[in-house]
């Protein structure tokens, strides 16, 4: 079960403020700060979608490419031993290191 909202390939958090008695969140995976809030889950989801739509419309109006939260590339630091083990696994299975890492991650998150 995930506490993330998803819309148009953007994800946002769901948090609760006891002090303000409201739900709030922000879009994750991009540098721009896009936040939203609501008094109910339905209001929160509607405001989240509105914020994403407004962001995309603003980018289009300014002729700027919107940030994409997940491009499919990232750097990972691992121990030399784990690096060696995954490299050996890749060689033994006739795969590239990238393909072996993608397979391992896919198995972990069951894609």
Protein backbone atom coordinates (compact mmCIF):
# COMPACT_ATOMS: atom_id res chain seq x y z
CA UNK A 1 0.00 0.00 0.00
CA UNK A 2 1.40 3.39 -0.97
CA UNK A 3 0.85 6.80 0.53
CA UNK A 4 1.65 8.48 -2.76
CA UNK A 5 -0.73 10.18 -5.14
CA UNK A 6 -0.09 9.67 -8.87
CA UNK A 7 -1.20 11.78 -11.82
CA UNK A 8 0.32 12.29 -15.29
CA UNK A 9 3.55 10.51 -14.23
CA UNK A 10 3.97 12.78 -11.20
CA UNK A 11 3.86 11.50 -7.61
CA UNK A 12 2.95 13.40 -4.48
CA UNK A 13 3.09 12.76 -0.77
CA UNK A 14 0.15 12.54 1.61
CA UNK A 15 0.70 14.00 5.07
CA UNK A 16 -1.52 15.08 7.94
CA UNK A 17 -1.20 18.20 10.07
CA UNK A 18 -2.90 17.68 13.41
CA UNK A 19 -2.22 21.33 14.27
CA UNK A 20 -4.03 22.63 11.15
CA UNK A 21 -6.42 19.66 10.91
CA UNK A 22 -5.76 19.18 7.20
CA UNK A 23 -4.03 16.95 4.71
CA UNK A 24 -1.15 18.30 2.67
CA UNK A 25 1.63 17.15 0.40
CA UNK A 26 4.17 18.01 -2.26
CA UNK A 27 5.15 16.63 -5.64
CA UNK A 28 8.31 14.51 -5.31
CA UNK A 29 11.02 13.70 -7.82
CA UNK A 30 11.38 17.22 -9.26
CA UNK A 31 13.28 20.33 -8.13
CA UNK A 32 10.27 22.66 -8.39
CA UNK A 33 8.21 23.01 -5.21
CA UNK A 34 4.61 22.04 -5.97
CA UNK A 35 2.47 21.73 -2.84
CA UNK A 36 -1.23 21.13 -2.24
CA UNK A 37 -3.70 20.60 0.58
CA UNK A 38 -7.24 19.57 1.39
CA UNK A 39 -9.65 18.86 4.21
CA UNK A 40 -10.43 15.38 2.83
CA UNK A 41 -8.66 12.81 0.70
CA UNK A 42 -10.87 13.78 -2.23
CA UNK A 43 -9.99 17.48 -1.86
CA UNK A 44 -6.30 16.60 -1.51
CA UNK A 45 -6.35 14.54 -4.70
CA UNK A 46 -8.21 17.29 -6.58
CA UNK A 47 -5.74 19.96 -5.44
CA UNK A 48 -2.80 17.67 -6.32
CA UNK A 49 -4.14 17.19 -9.84
CA UNK A 50 -4.84 20.92 -10.19
CA UNK A 51 -1.29 21.79 -9.11
CA UNK A 52 0.18 19.38 -11.66
CA UNK A 53 -2.12 20.71 -14.42
CA UNK A 54 -1.24 24.33 -13.51
CA UNK A 55 2.48 23.49 -13.53
CA UNK A 56 2.24 21.88 -16.97
CA UNK A 57 0.15 24.77 -18.34
CA UNK A 58 2.62 27.32 -16.92
CA UNK A 59 5.55 25.48 -18.51
CA UNK A 60 3.74 25.40 -21.84
CA UNK A 61 2.86 29.10 -21.62
CA UNK A 62 6.50 30.00 -20.86
CA UNK A 63 7.71 27.57 -23.57
CA UNK A 64 9.75 25.68 -20.97
CA UNK A 65 10.13 21.91 -20.85
CA UNK A 66 8.49 20.61 -17.63
CA UNK A 67 10.69 18.64 -15.27
CA UNK A 68 10.24 14.91 -15.63
CA UNK A 69 10.31 13.13 -12.28
CA UNK A 70 11.87 9.91 -13.49
CA UNK A 71 14.10 9.83 -16.55
CA UNK A 72 15.19 6.21 -16.18
CA UNK A 73 18.79 6.96 -15.25
CA UNK A 74 20.35 7.41 -11.83
CA UNK A 75 23.65 6.84 -10.05
CA UNK A 76 23.90 4.29 -7.28
CA UNK A 77 26.74 3.82 -4.83
CA UNK A 78 27.24 0.26 -3.63
CA UNK A 79 30.03 -1.63 -1.91
CA UNK A 80 32.87 -2.94 -4.11
CA UNK A 81 31.90 -6.50 -3.09
CA UNK A 82 28.30 -6.06 -4.24
CA UNK A 83 29.52 -4.39 -7.45
CA UNK A 84 31.79 -7.38 -8.14
CA UNK A 85 29.00 -9.87 -7.36
CA UNK A 86 26.47 -8.24 -9.69
CA UNK A 87 29.12 -7.92 -12.42
CA UNK A 88 29.95 -11.63 -12.13
CA UNK A 89 26.24 -12.47 -12.18
CA UNK A 90 25.81 -10.41 -15.34
CA UNK A 91 28.74 -12.12 -17.09
CA UNK A 92 27.56 -15.58 -16.06
CA UNK A 93 24.07 -14.85 -17.43
CA UNK A 94 25.22 -13.14 -20.63
CA UNK A 95 23.78 -9.78 -19.61
CA UNK A 96 25.09 -6.28 -19.34
CA UNK A 97 25.64 -4.90 -15.86
CA UNK A 98 22.77 -2.48 -16.48
CA UNK A 99 20.41 -5.33 -17.47
CA UNK A 100 21.37 -7.32 -14.36
CA UNK A 101 20.74 -4.33 -12.06
CA UNK A 102 17.42 -3.59 -13.78
CA UNK A 103 16.39 -7.23 -13.31
CA UNK A 104 17.33 -7.14 -9.62
CA UNK A 105 15.39 -3.93 -9.02
CA UNK A 106 12.44 -5.27 -11.00
CA UNK A 107 12.38 -8.39 -8.83
CA UNK A 108 12.50 -6.30 -5.69
CA UNK A 109 9.57 -4.04 -6.60
CA UNK A 110 7.80 -6.73 -8.64
CA UNK A 111 7.33 -4.75 -11.84
